[in-house]
Amino acid sequence: MQSGSLLANIAILVLAGFVGFAVISKVPNTLHTPLMSGTNAIHGIVLLGGLIVLGELENPSVLDAVILVVAIAFGMINVVGGFLVTDRMLGMFKAKPAEKVSAGESEGASGNGRVKR
């Protein structure tokens, strides 16, 4: 790898970090959890990429294998965590089941909506 290429890649990484920070800092608190759960679910791409690269390498070194396994593990944690957070968040909007009323508490209720007299 050429040193100019390395310097360009580092510059892109640093600029991407600044842009990401600027974008995320503008997100209101009410949207932060839904956006983060969605982006965590997108880490499935990292998971799939790690699996493909691990499968394509004929004789990976120990360091390559460890880095790929760690990437796959972190990607899986993010995918599962993203879906768990989304499920919990959506559960807050579900209607709570109505409490069942026992027969002794509802005087005169005949079961068909009419009141006995």
PDB file of N, CA and C in Angstrom:
ATOM      1  N   MET A   1       0.847  -1.171   0.000  1.00  0.00           N
ATOM      2  CA  MET A   1       0.000   0.000   0.000  1.00  0.00           C
ATOM      3  C   MET A   1       0.894   1.237   0.000  1.00  0.00           C
ATOM      4  N   GLN A   2       0.509   2.191  -0.791  1.00  0.00           N
ATOM      5  CA  GLN A   2       1.300   3.414  -0.872  1.00  0.00           C
ATOM      6  C   GLN A   2       0.958   4.319   0.292  1.00  0.00           C
ATOM      7  N   SER A   3       1.943   5.155   0.685  1.00  0.00           N
ATOM      8  CA  SER A   3       1.714   6.040   1.830  1.00  0.00           C
ATOM      9  C   SER A   3       0.677   7.108   1.504  1.00  0.00           C
ATOM     10  N   GLY A   4       0.576   7.542   0.243  1.00  0.00           N
ATOM     11  CA  GLY A   4      -0.446   8.519  -0.147  1.00  0.00           C
ATOM     12  C   GLY A   4      -1.839   7.944  -0.018  1.00  0.00           C
ATOM     13  N   SER A   5      -1.963   6.673  -0.375  1.00  0.00           N
ATOM     14  CA  SER A   5      -3.241   5.986  -0.261  1.00  0.00           C
ATOM     15  C   SER A   5      -3.641   5.831   1.206  1.00  0.00           C
ATOM     16  N   LEU A   6      -2.673   5.509   2.051  1.00  0.00           N
ATOM     17  CA  LEU A   6      -2.949   5.381   3.480  1.00  0.00           C
ATOM     18  C   LEU A   6      -3.377   6.715   4.073  1.00  0.00           C
ATOM     19  N   LEU A   7      -2.686   7.770   3.687  1.00  0.00           N
ATOM     20  CA  LEU A   7      -3.029   9.103   4.187  1.00  0.00           C
ATOM     21  C   LEU A   7      -4.426   9.517   3.726  1.00  0.00           C
ATOM     22  N   ALA A   8      -4.768   9.217   2.482  1.00  0.00           N
ATOM     23  CA  ALA A   8      -6.105   9.543   1.962  1.00  0.00           C
ATOM     24  C   ALA A   8      -7.176   8.754   2.717  1.00  0.00           C
ATOM     25  N   ASN A   9      -6.903   7.476   2.990  1.00  0.00           N
ATOM     26  CA  ASN A   9      -7.870   6.658   3.725  1.00  0.00           C
ATOM     27  C   ASN A   9      -8.066   7.162   5.153  1.00  0.00           C
ATOM     28  N   ILE A  10      -6.986   7.568   5.799  1.00  0.00           N
ATOM     29  CA  ILE A  10      -7.092   8.121   7.160  1.00  0.00           C
ATOM     30  C   ILE A  10      -7.866   9.435   7.145  1.00  0.00           C
ATOM     31  N   ALA A  11      -7.617  10.270   6.137  1.00  0.00           N
ATOM     32  CA  ALA A  11      -8.344  11.542   6.023  1.00  0.00           C
ATOM     33  C   ALA A  11      -9.835  11.297   5.824  1.00  0.00           C
ATOM     34  N   ILE A  12     -10.185  10.318   4.992  1.00  0.00           N
ATOM     35  CA  ILE A  12     -11.597   9.982   4.769  1.00  0.00           C
ATOM     36  C   ILE A  12     -12.229   9.467   6.053  1.00  0.00           C
ATOM     37  N   LEU A  13     -11.511   8.636   6.790  1.00  0.00           N
ATOM     38  CA  LEU A  13     -12.032   8.115   8.054  1.00  0.00           C
ATOM     39  C   LEU A  13     -12.299   9.235   9.052  1.00  0.00           C
ATOM     40  N   VAL A  14     -11.355  10.167   9.169  1.00  0.00           N
ATOM     41  CA  VAL A  14     -11.517  11.279  10.113  1.00  0.00           C
ATOM     42  C   VAL A  14     -12.673  12.183   9.686  1.00  0.00           C
ATOM     43  N   LEU A  15     -12.754  12.514   8.400  1.00  0.00           N
ATOM     44  CA  LEU A  15     -13.860  13.356   7.916  1.00  0.00           C
ATOM     45  C   LEU A  15     -15.208  12.660   8.093  1.00  0.00           C
ATOM     46  N   ALA A  16     -15.263  11.348   7.856  1.00  0.00           N
ATOM     47  CA  ALA A  16     -16.506  10.601   8.060  1.00  0.00           C
ATOM     48  C   ALA A  16     -16.914  10.629   9.527  1.00  0.00           C
ATOM     49  N   GLY A  17     -15.936  10.576  10.422  1.00  0.00           N
ATOM     50  CA  GLY A  17     -16.240  10.673  11.855  1.00  0.00           C
ATOM     51  C   GLY A  17     -16.843  12.021  12.212  1.00  0.00           C
ATOM     52  N   PHE A  18     -16.273  13.102  11.668  1.00  0.00           N
ATOM     53  CA  PHE A  18     -16.818  14.433  11.934  1.00  0.00           C
ATOM     54  C   PHE A  18     -18.225  14.588  11.361  1.00  0.00           C
ATOM     55  N   VAL A  19     -18.434  14.115  10.147  1.00  0.00           N
ATOM     56  CA  VAL A  19     -19.763  14.207   9.527  1.00  0.00           C
ATOM     57  C   VAL A  19     -20.765  13.379  10.317  1.00  0.00           C
ATOM     58  N   GLY A  20     -20.390  12.168  10.721  1.00  0.00           N
ATOM     59  CA  GLY A  20     -21.291  11.326  11.510  1.00  0.00           C
ATOM     60  C   GLY A  20     -21.658  11.972  12.828  1.00  0.00           C
ATOM     61  N   PHE A  21     -20.677  12.576  13.497  1.00  0.00           N
ATOM     62  CA  PHE A  21     -20.956  13.258  14.763  1.00  0.00           C
ATOM     63  C   PHE A  21     -21.902  14.439  14.544  1.00  0.00           C
ATOM     64  N   ALA A  22     -21.678  15.210  13.474  1.00  0.00           N
ATOM     65  CA  ALA A  22     -22.536  16.365  13.192  1.00  0.00           C
ATOM     66  C   ALA A  22     -23.966  15.929  12.892  1.00  0.00           C
ATOM     67  N   VAL A  23     -24.120  14.853  12.160  1.00  0.00           N
ATOM     68  CA  VAL A  23     -25.460  14.375  11.808  1.00  0.00           C
ATOM     69  C   VAL A  23     -26.175  13.824  13.040  1.00  0.00           C
ATOM     70  N   ILE A  24     -25.510  12.992  13.823  1.00  0.00           N
ATOM     71  CA  ILE A  24     -26.135  12.370  14.991  1.00  0.00           C
ATOM     72  C   ILE A  24     -26.461  13.402  16.066  1.00  0.00           C
ATOM     73  N   SER A  25     -25.642  14.423  16.206  1.00  0.00           N
ATOM     74  CA  SER A  25     -25.907  15.431  17.241  1.00  0.00           C
ATOM     75  C   SER A  25     -27.149  16.261  16.925  1.00  0.00           C
ATOM     76  N   LYS A  26     -27.601  16.255  15.686  1.00  0.00           N
ATOM     77  CA  LYS A  26     -28.795  17.012  15.294  1.00  0.00           C
ATOM     78  C   LYS A  26     -30.083  16.196  15.450  1.00  0.00           C
ATOM     79  N   VAL A  27     -29.966  14.926  15.751  1.00  0.00           N
ATOM     80  CA  VAL A  27     -31.146  14.066  15.871  1.00  0.00           C
ATOM     81  C   VAL A  27     -31.820  14.316  17.214  1.00  0.00           C
ATOM     82  N   PRO A  28     -33.142  14.588  17.213  1.00  0.00           N
ATOM     83  CA  PRO A  28     -33.838  14.779  18.495  1.00  0.00           C
ATOM     84  C   PRO A  28     -33.863  13.492  19.312  1.00  0.00           C
ATOM     85  N   ASN A  29     -33.990  13.644  20.619  1.00  0.00           N
ATOM     86  CA  ASN A  29     -33.970  12.483  21.518  1.00  0.00           C
ATOM     87  C   ASN A  29     -35.069  11.481  21.202  1.00  0.00           C
ATOM     88  N   THR A  30     -36.229  11.961  20.749  1.00  0.00           N
ATOM     89  CA  THR A  30     -37.336  11.042  20.474  1.00  0.00           C
ATOM     90  C   THR A  30     -37.062  10.136  19.279  1.00  0.00           C
ATOM     91  N   LEU A  31     -36.170  10.544  18.387  1.00  0.00           N
ATOM     92  CA  LEU A  31     -35.862   9.718  17.223  1.00  0.00           C
ATOM     93  C   LEU A  31     -34.591   8.899  17.383  1.00  0.00           C
ATOM     94  N   HIS A  32     -33.851   9.131  18.446  1.00  0.00           N
ATOM     95  CA  HIS A  32     -32.551   8.478  18.588  1.00  0.00           C
ATOM     96  C   HIS A  32     -32.679   6.957  18.674  1.00  0.00           C
ATOM     97  N   THR A  33     -33.573   6.453  19.501  1.00  0.00           N
ATOM     98  CA  THR A  33     -33.700   5.000  19.674  1.00  0.00           C
ATOM     99  C   THR A  33     -34.175   4.311  18.403  1.00  0.00           C
ATOM    100  N   PRO A  34     -35.212   4.826  17.713  1.00  0.00           N
ATOM    101  CA  PRO A  34     -35.608   4.141  16.469  1.00  0.00           C
ATOM    102  C   PRO A  34     -34.507   4.140  15.417  1.00  0.00           C
ATOM    103  N   LEU A  35     -33.787   5.240  15.290  1.00  0.00           N
ATOM    104  CA  LEU A  35     -32.722   5.290  14.293  1.00  0.00           C
ATOM    105  C   LEU A  35     -31.578   4.351  14.655  1.00  0.00           C
ATOM    106  N   MET A  36     -31.224   4.301  15.929  1.00  0.00           N
ATOM    107  CA  MET A  36     -30.127   3.432  16.342  1.00  0.00           C
ATOM    108  C   MET A  36     -30.504   1.962  16.206  1.00  0.00           C
ATOM    109  N   SER A  37     -31.756   1.607  16.486  1.00  0.00           N
ATOM    110  CA  SER A  37     -32.136   0.212  16.345  1.00  0.00           C
ATOM    111  C   SER A  37     -32.127  -0.192  14.874  1.00  0.00           C
ATOM    112  N   GLY A  38     -32.504   0.735  14.004  1.00  0.00           N
ATOM    113  CA  GLY A  38     -32.450   0.440  12.571  1.00  0.00           C
ATOM    114  C   GLY A  38     -31.035   0.308  12.063  1.00  0.00           C
ATOM    115  N   THR A  39     -30.152   1.197  12.492  1.00  0.00           N
ATOM    116  CA  THR A  39     -28.770   1.122  12.025  1.00  0.00           C
ATOM    117  C   THR A  39     -28.055  -0.086  12.614  1.00  0.00           C
ATOM    118  N   ASN A  40     -28.434  -0.495  13.806  1.00  0.00           N
ATOM    119  CA  ASN A  40     -27.838  -1.719  14.351  1.00  0.00           C
ATOM    120  C   ASN A  40     -28.258  -2.926  13.523  1.00  0.00           C
ATOM    121  N   ALA A  41     -29.483  -2.920  13.051  1.00  0.00           N
ATOM    122  CA  ALA A  41     -29.941  -4.032  12.224  1.00  0.00           C
ATOM    123  C   ALA A  41     -29.213  -4.061  10.886  1.00  0.00           C
ATOM    124  N   ILE A  42     -28.770  -2.916  10.403  1.00  0.00           N
ATOM    125  CA  ILE A  42     -28.029  -2.846   9.143  1.00  0.00           C
ATOM    126  C   ILE A  42     -26.671  -3.533   9.291  1.00  0.00           C
ATOM    127  N   HIS A  43     -26.216  -3.749  10.506  1.00  0.00           N
ATOM    128  CA  HIS A  43     -24.934  -4.420  10.701  1.00  0.00           C
ATOM    129  C   HIS A  43     -24.964  -5.860  10.200  1.00  0.00           C
ATOM    130  N   GLY A  44     -26.103  -6.300   9.721  1.00  0.00           N
ATOM    131  CA  GLY A  44     -26.164  -7.588   9.049  1.00  0.00           C
ATOM    132  C   GLY A  44     -25.235  -7.614   7.848  1.00  0.00           C
ATOM    133  N   ILE A  45     -24.983  -6.433   7.256  1.00  0.00           N
ATOM    134  CA  ILE A  45     -24.041  -6.341   6.142  1.00  0.00           C
ATOM    135  C   ILE A  45     -22.635  -6.685   6.624  1.00  0.00           C
ATOM    136  N   VAL A  46     -22.266  -6.197   7.807  1.00  0.00           N
ATOM    137  CA  VAL A  46     -20.959  -6.530   8.380  1.00  0.00           C
ATOM    138  C   VAL A  46     -20.883  -8.030   8.636  1.00  0.00           C
ATOM    139  N   LEU A  47     -21.950  -8.575   9.162  1.00  0.00           N
ATOM    140  CA  LEU A  47     -22.006 -10.008   9.441  1.00  0.00           C
ATOM    141  C   LEU A  47     -21.839 -10.821   8.162  1.00  0.00           C
ATOM    142  N   LEU A  48     -22.583 -10.465   7.135  1.00  0.00           N
ATOM    143  CA  LEU A  48     -22.506 -11.176   5.866  1.00  0.00           C
ATOM    144  C   LEU A  48     -21.127 -11.008   5.224  1.00  0.00           C
ATOM    145  N   GLY A  49     -20.587  -9.797   5.264  1.00  0.00           N
ATOM    146  CA  GLY A  49     -19.256  -9.558   4.707  1.00  0.00           C
ATOM    147  C   GLY A  49     -18.189 -10.372   5.414  1.00  0.00           C
ATOM    148  N   GLY A  50     -18.253 -10.443   6.723  1.00  0.00           N
ATOM    149  CA  GLY A  50     -17.284 -11.232   7.479  1.00  0.00           C
ATOM    150  C   GLY A  50     -17.368 -12.708   7.145  1.00  0.00           C
ATOM    151  N   LEU A  51     -18.590 -13.207   6.991  1.00  0.00           N
ATOM    152  CA  LEU A  51     -18.761 -14.618   6.641  1.00  0.00           C
ATOM    153  C   LEU A  51     -18.225 -14.911   5.244  1.00  0.00           C
ATOM    154  N   ILE A  52     -18.474 -13.988   4.305  1.00  0.00           N
ATOM    155  CA  ILE A  52     -17.992 -14.190   2.934  1.00  0.00           C
ATOM    156  C   ILE A  52     -16.468 -14.169   2.900  1.00  0.00           C
ATOM    157  N   VAL A  53     -15.868 -13.178   3.552  1.00  0.00           N
ATOM    158  CA  VAL A  53     -14.405 -13.090   3.546  1.00  0.00           C
ATOM    159  C   VAL A  53     -13.794 -14.292   4.237  1.00  0.00           C
ATOM    160  N   LEU A  54     -14.373 -14.718   5.346  1.00  0.00           N
ATOM    161  CA  LEU A  54     -13.835 -15.884   6.058  1.00  0.00           C
ATOM    162  C   LEU A  54     -13.929 -17.139   5.193  1.00  0.00           C
ATOM    163  N   GLY A  55     -15.002 -17.241   4.412  1.00  0.00           N
ATOM    164  CA  GLY A  55     -15.152 -18.399   3.533  1.00  0.00           C
ATOM    165  C   GLY A  55     -14.255 -18.355   2.314  1.00  0.00           C
ATOM    166  N   GLU A  56     -13.912 -17.158   1.846  1.00  0.00           N
ATOM    167  CA  GLU A  56     -13.087 -17.013   0.640  1.00  0.00           C
ATOM    168  C   GLU A  56     -11.595 -17.218   0.901  1.00  0.00           C
ATOM    169  N   LEU A  57     -11.146 -16.965   2.122  1.00  0.00           N
ATOM    170  CA  LEU A  57      -9.710 -17.105   2.417  1.00  0.00           C
ATOM    171  C   LEU A  57      -9.339 -18.583   2.464  1.00  0.00           C
ATOM    172  N   GLU A  58      -8.297 -18.940   1.699  1.00  0.00           N
ATOM    173  CA  GLU A  58      -7.883 -20.341   1.669  1.00  0.00           C
ATOM    174  C   GLU A  58      -7.097 -20.721   2.919  1.00  0.00           C
ATOM    175  N   ASN A  59      -6.089 -19.955   3.250  1.00  0.00           N
ATOM    176  CA  ASN A  59      -5.283 -20.215   4.435  1.00  0.00           C
ATOM    177  C   ASN A  59      -5.169 -18.927   5.252  1.00  0.00           C
ATOM    178  N   PRO A  60      -6.219 -18.598   6.009  1.00  0.00           N
ATOM    179  CA  PRO A  60      -6.130 -17.347   6.777  1.00  0.00           C
ATOM    180  C   PRO A  60      -5.139 -17.478   7.923  1.00  0.00           C
ATOM    181  N   SER A  61      -4.447 -16.378   8.190  1.00  0.00           N
ATOM    182  CA  SER A  61      -3.545 -16.389   9.345  1.00  0.00           C
ATOM    183  C   SER A  61      -4.394 -16.340  10.611  1.00  0.00           C
ATOM    184  N   VAL A  62      -3.767 -16.590  11.719  1.00  0.00           N
ATOM    185  CA  VAL A  62      -4.482 -16.581  12.993  1.00  0.00           C
ATOM    186  C   VAL A  62      -5.059 -15.189  13.263  1.00  0.00           C
ATOM    187  N   LEU A  63      -4.282 -14.149  12.953  1.00  0.00           N
ATOM    188  CA  LEU A  63      -4.745 -12.779  13.165  1.00  0.00           C
ATOM    189  C   LEU A  63      -5.955 -12.470  12.293  1.00  0.00           C
ATOM    190  N   ASP A  64      -5.914 -12.877  11.011  1.00  0.00           N
ATOM    191  CA  ASP A  64      -7.053 -12.658  10.119  1.00  0.00           C
ATOM    192  C   ASP A  64      -8.303 -13.368  10.640  1.00  0.00           C
ATOM    193  N   ALA A  65      -8.130 -14.613  11.054  1.00  0.00           N
ATOM    194  CA  ALA A  65      -9.267 -15.392  11.544  1.00  0.00           C
ATOM    195  C   ALA A  65      -9.853 -14.768  12.812  1.00  0.00           C
ATOM    196  N   VAL A  66      -9.001 -14.314  13.719  1.00  0.00           N
ATOM    197  CA  VAL A  66      -9.480 -13.710  14.967  1.00  0.00           C
ATOM    198  C   VAL A  66     -10.239 -12.412  14.666  1.00  0.00           C
ATOM    199  N   ILE A  67      -9.678 -11.578  13.786  1.00  0.00           N
ATOM    200  CA  ILE A  67     -10.338 -10.315  13.448  1.00  0.00           C
ATOM    201  C   ILE A  67     -11.692 -10.580  12.792  1.00  0.00           C
ATOM    202  N   LEU A  68     -11.757 -11.554  11.890  1.00  0.00           N
ATOM    203  CA  LEU A  68     -13.023 -11.870  11.232  1.00  0.00           C
ATOM    204  C   LEU A  68     -14.046 -12.432  12.216  1.00  0.00           C
ATOM    205  N   VAL A  69     -13.615 -13.296  13.115  1.00  0.00           N
ATOM    206  CA  VAL A  69     -14.546 -13.859  14.101  1.00  0.00           C
ATOM    207  C   VAL A  69     -15.065 -12.760  15.029  1.00  0.00           C
ATOM    208  N   VAL A  70     -14.192 -11.840  15.426  1.00  0.00           N
ATOM    209  CA  VAL A  70     -14.624 -10.724  16.273  1.00  0.00           C
ATOM    210  C   VAL A  70     -15.611  -9.836  15.515  1.00  0.00           C
ATOM    211  N   ALA A  71     -15.334  -9.561  14.227  1.00  0.00           N
ATOM    212  CA  ALA A  71     -16.254  -8.750  13.419  1.00  0.00           C
ATOM    213  C   ALA A  71     -17.606  -9.441  13.283  1.00  0.00           C
ATOM    214  N   ILE A  72     -17.584 -10.738  13.065  1.00  0.00           N
ATOM    215  CA  ILE A  72     -18.837 -11.492  12.945  1.00  0.00           C
ATOM    216  C   ILE A  72     -19.594 -11.485  14.271  1.00  0.00           C
ATOM    217  N   ALA A  73     -18.896 -11.662  15.376  1.00  0.00           N
ATOM    218  CA  ALA A  73     -19.551 -11.662  16.697  1.00  0.00           C
ATOM    219  C   ALA A  73     -20.162 -10.293  17.000  1.00  0.00           C
ATOM    220  N   PHE A  74     -19.394  -9.213  16.777  1.00  0.00           N
ATOM    221  CA  PHE A  74     -19.932  -7.872  17.034  1.00  0.00           C
ATOM    222  C   PHE A  74     -21.085  -7.545  16.094  1.00  0.00           C
ATOM    223  N   GLY A  75     -20.980  -7.965  14.842  1.00  0.00           N
ATOM    224  CA  GLY A  75     -22.079  -7.745  13.905  1.00  0.00           C
ATOM    225  C   GLY A  75     -23.343  -8.463  14.356  1.00  0.00           C
ATOM    226  N   MET A  76     -23.181  -9.694  14.842  1.00  0.00           N
ATOM    227  CA  MET A  76     -24.341 -10.467  15.316  1.00  0.00           C
ATOM    228  C   MET A  76     -24.948  -9.843  16.561  1.00  0.00           C
ATOM    229  N   ILE A  77     -24.105  -9.354  17.456  1.00  0.00           N
ATOM    230  CA  ILE A  77     -24.609  -8.691  18.658  1.00  0.00           C
ATOM    231  C   ILE A  77     -25.421  -7.455  18.273  1.00  0.00           C
ATOM    232  N   ASN A  78     -24.924  -6.688  17.304  1.00  0.00           N
ATOM    233  CA  ASN A  78     -25.650  -5.500  16.869  1.00  0.00           C
ATOM    234  C   ASN A  78     -26.961  -5.851  16.181  1.00  0.00           C
ATOM    235  N   VAL A  79     -26.959  -6.892  15.364  1.00  0.00           N
ATOM    236  CA  VAL A  79     -28.195  -7.289  14.685  1.00  0.00           C
ATOM    237  C   VAL A  79     -29.247  -7.714  15.707  1.00  0.00           C
ATOM    238  N   VAL A  80     -28.879  -8.608  16.613  1.00  0.00           N
ATOM    239  CA  VAL A  80     -29.836  -9.086  17.620  1.00  0.00           C
ATOM    240  C   VAL A  80     -30.270  -7.939  18.532  1.00  0.00           C
ATOM    241  N   GLY A  81     -29.316  -7.112  18.964  1.00  0.00           N
ATOM    242  CA  GLY A  81     -29.654  -5.977  19.824  1.00  0.00           C
ATOM    243  C   GLY A  81     -30.568  -4.993  19.134  1.00  0.00           C
ATOM    244  N   GLY A  82     -30.333  -4.740  17.848  1.00  0.00           N
ATOM    245  CA  GLY A  82     -31.200  -3.826  17.099  1.00  0.00           C
ATOM    246  C   GLY A  82     -32.625  -4.332  17.042  1.00  0.00           C
ATOM    247  N   PHE A  83     -32.786  -5.628  16.790  1.00  0.00           N
ATOM    248  CA  PHE A  83     -34.137  -6.172  16.735  1.00  0.00           C
ATOM    249  C   PHE A  83     -34.786  -6.226  18.111  1.00  0.00           C
ATOM    250  N   LEU A  84     -34.027  -6.502  19.155  1.00  0.00           N
ATOM    251  CA  LEU A  84     -34.596  -6.512  20.504  1.00  0.00           C
ATOM    252  C   LEU A  84     -35.062  -5.117  20.922  1.00  0.00           C
ATOM    253  N   VAL A  85     -34.240  -4.106  20.624  1.00  0.00           N
ATOM    254  CA  VAL A  85     -34.626  -2.736  20.964  1.00  0.00           C
ATOM    255  C   VAL A  85     -35.864  -2.326  20.171  1.00  0.00           C
ATOM    256  N   THR A  86     -35.907  -2.681  18.887  1.00  0.00           N
ATOM    257  CA  THR A  86     -37.068  -2.342  18.064  1.00  0.00           C
ATOM    258  C   THR A  86     -38.315  -3.038  18.581  1.00  0.00           C
ATOM    259  N   ASP A  87     -38.204  -4.316  18.940  1.00  0.00           N
ATOM    260  CA  ASP A  87     -39.359  -5.045  19.452  1.00  0.00           C
ATOM    261  C   ASP A  87     -39.852  -4.445  20.760  1.00  0.00           C
ATOM    262  N   ARG A  88     -38.925  -4.100  21.631  1.00  0.00           N
ATOM    263  CA  ARG A  88     -39.321  -3.489  22.909  1.00  0.00           C
ATOM    264  C   ARG A  88     -39.975  -2.122  22.693  1.00  0.00           C
ATOM    265  N   MET A  89     -39.431  -1.357  21.753  1.00  0.00           N
ATOM    266  CA  MET A  89     -39.976  -0.039  21.463  1.00  0.00           C
ATOM    267  C   MET A  89     -41.382  -0.164  20.867  1.00  0.00           C
ATOM    268  N   LEU A  90     -41.579  -1.098  19.948  1.00  0.00           N
ATOM    269  CA  LEU A  90     -42.898  -1.285  19.361  1.00  0.00           C
ATOM    270  C   LEU A  90     -43.885  -1.844  20.380  1.00  0.00           C
ATOM    271  N   GLY A  91     -43.387  -2.598  21.355  1.00  0.00           N
ATOM    272  CA  GLY A  91     -44.251  -3.121  22.408  1.00  0.00           C
ATOM    273  C   GLY A  91     -44.859  -2.031  23.266  1.00  0.00           C
ATOM    274  N   MET A  92     -44.212  -0.878  23.319  1.00  0.00           N
ATOM    275  CA  MET A  92     -44.761   0.234  24.105  1.00  0.00           C
ATOM    276  C   MET A  92     -46.014   0.806  23.458  1.00  0.00           C
ATOM    277  N   PHE A  93     -46.211   0.562  22.167  1.00  0.00           N
ATOM    278  CA  PHE A  93     -47.359   1.130  21.463  1.00  0.00           C
ATOM    279  C   PHE A  93     -48.515   0.150  21.321  1.00  0.00           C
ATOM    280  N   LYS A  94     -48.339  -1.073  21.790  1.00  0.00           N
ATOM    281  CA  LYS A  94     -49.425  -2.052  21.721  1.00  0.00           C
ATOM    282  C   LYS A  94     -50.459  -1.750  22.787  1.00  0.00           C
ATOM    283  N   ALA A  95     -51.717  -2.027  22.457  1.00  0.00           N
ATOM    284  CA  ALA A  95     -52.792  -1.825  23.420  1.00  0.00           C
ATOM    285  C   ALA A  95     -52.677  -2.865  24.529  1.00  0.00           C
ATOM    286  N   LYS A  96     -52.851  -2.422  25.747  1.00  0.00           N
ATOM    287  CA  LYS A  96     -52.802  -3.348  26.874  1.00  0.00           C
ATOM    288  C   LYS A  96     -54.104  -4.138  26.899  1.00  0.00           C
ATOM    289  N   PRO A  97     -54.032  -5.429  27.233  1.00  0.00           N
ATOM    290  CA  PRO A  97     -55.264  -6.223  27.277  1.00  0.00           C
ATOM    291  C   PRO A  97     -56.179  -5.723  28.389  1.00  0.00           C
ATOM    292  N   ALA A  98     -57.479  -5.687  28.078  1.00  0.00           N
ATOM    293  CA  ALA A  98     -58.458  -5.237  29.065  1.00  0.00           C
ATOM    294  C   ALA A  98     -58.541  -6.256  30.194  1.00  0.00           C
ATOM    295  N   GLU A  99     -58.723  -5.751  31.400  1.00  0.00           N
ATOM    296  CA  GLU A  99     -58.854  -6.641  32.552  1.00  0.00           C
ATOM    297  C   GLU A  99     -60.186  -7.373  32.475  1.00  0.00           C
ATOM    298  N   LYS A 100     -60.147  -8.665  32.775  1.00  0.00           N
ATOM    299  CA  LYS A 100     -61.365  -9.458  32.740  1.00  0.00           C
ATOM    300  C   LYS A 100     -62.196  -9.147  33.967  1.00  0.00           C
ATOM    301  N   VAL A 101     -63.488  -8.939  33.755  1.00  0.00           N
ATOM    302  CA  VAL A 101     -64.405  -8.635  34.847  1.00  0.00           C
ATOM    303  C   VAL A 101     -65.108  -9.924  35.237  1.00  0.00           C
ATOM    304  N   SER A 102     -65.059 -10.252  36.524  1.00  0.00           N
ATOM    305  CA  SER A 102     -65.717 -11.479  36.969  1.00  0.00           C
ATOM    306  C   SER A 102     -67.228 -11.285  36.970  1.00  0.00           C
ATOM    307  N   ALA A 103     -67.973 -12.391  36.962  1.00  0.00           N
ATOM    308  CA  ALA A 103     -69.437 -12.340  36.873  1.00  0.00           C
ATOM    309  C   ALA A 103     -70.048 -11.635  38.078  1.00  0.00           C
ATOM    310  N   GLY A 104     -69.443 -11.739  39.244  1.00  0.00           N
ATOM    311  CA  GLY A 104     -69.993 -11.119  40.440  1.00  0.00           C
ATOM    312  C   GLY A 104     -69.864  -9.604  40.440  1.00  0.00           C
ATOM    313  N   GLU A 105     -68.905  -9.083  39.715  1.00  0.00           N
ATOM    314  CA  GLU A 105     -68.680  -7.642  39.720  1.00  0.00           C
ATOM    315  C   GLU A 105     -69.618  -6.900  38.782  1.00  0.00           C
ATOM    316  N   SER A 106     -70.043  -7.544  37.698  1.00  0.00           N
ATOM    317  CA  SER A 106     -70.913  -6.844  36.744  1.00  0.00           C
ATOM    318  C   SER A 106     -72.349  -7.255  37.015  1.00  0.00           C
ATOM    319  N   GLU A 107     -73.031  -6.438  37.767  1.00  0.00           N
ATOM    320  CA  GLU A 107     -74.414  -6.751  38.127  1.00  0.00           C
ATOM    321  C   GLU A 107     -75.314  -6.484  36.939  1.00  0.00           C
ATOM    322  N   GLY A 108     -76.101  -7.476  36.586  1.00  0.00           N
ATOM    323  CA  GLY A 108     -77.092  -7.297  35.542  1.00  0.00           C
ATOM    324  C   GLY A 108     -76.544  -7.489  34.137  1.00  0.00           C
ATOM    325  N   ALA A 109     -75.349  -7.829  33.977  1.00  0.00           N
ATOM    326  CA  ALA A 109     -74.812  -8.022  32.634  1.00  0.00           C
ATOM    327  C   ALA A 109     -75.204  -9.411  32.157  1.00  0.00           C
ATOM    328  N   SER A 110     -75.854  -9.498  30.997  1.00  0.00           N
ATOM    329  CA  SER A 110     -76.316 -10.784  30.500  1.00  0.00           C
ATOM    330  C   SER A 110     -75.376 -11.389  29.475  1.00  0.00           C
ATOM    331  N   GLY A 111     -74.323 -10.687  29.133  1.00  0.00           N
ATOM    332  CA  GLY A 111     -73.359 -11.216  28.200  1.00  0.00           C
ATOM    333  C   GLY A 111     -73.609 -10.762  26.777  1.00  0.00           C
ATOM    334  N   ASN A 112     -74.813 -10.228  26.486  1.00  0.00           N
ATOM    335  CA  ASN A 112     -75.071  -9.792  25.123  1.00  0.00           C
ATOM    336  C   ASN A 112     -75.110  -8.273  25.013  1.00  0.00           C
ATOM    337  N   GLY A 113     -74.634  -7.579  26.015  1.00  0.00           N
ATOM    338  CA  GLY A 113     -74.594  -6.121  25.981  1.00  0.00           C
ATOM    339  C   GLY A 113     -75.839  -5.474  26.552  1.00  0.00           C
ATOM    340  N   ARG A 114     -76.850  -6.265  26.866  1.00  0.00           N
ATOM    341  CA  ARG A 114     -78.098  -5.705  27.406  1.00  0.00           C
ATOM    342  C   ARG A 114     -78.073  -5.816  28.921  1.00  0.00           C
ATOM    343  N   VAL A 115     -78.757  -4.906  29.578  1.00  0.00           N
ATOM    344  CA  VAL A 115     -78.835  -4.918  31.036  1.00  0.00           C
ATOM    345  C   VAL A 115     -80.162  -5.516  31.447  1.00  0.00           C
ATOM    346  N   LYS A 116     -80.106  -6.518  32.336  1.00  0.00           N
ATOM    347  CA  LYS A 116     -81.324  -7.153  32.845  1.00  0.00           C
ATOM    348  C   LYS A 116     -81.984  -6.227  33.838  1.00  0.00           C
ATOM    349  N   ARG A 117     -83.272  -6.242  33.820  1.00  0.00           N
ATOM    350  CA  ARG A 117     -84.026  -5.411  34.777  1.00  0.00           C
ATOM    351  C   ARG A 117     -85.002  -6.226  35.547  1.00  0.00           C
TER     352      ARG A 117
END
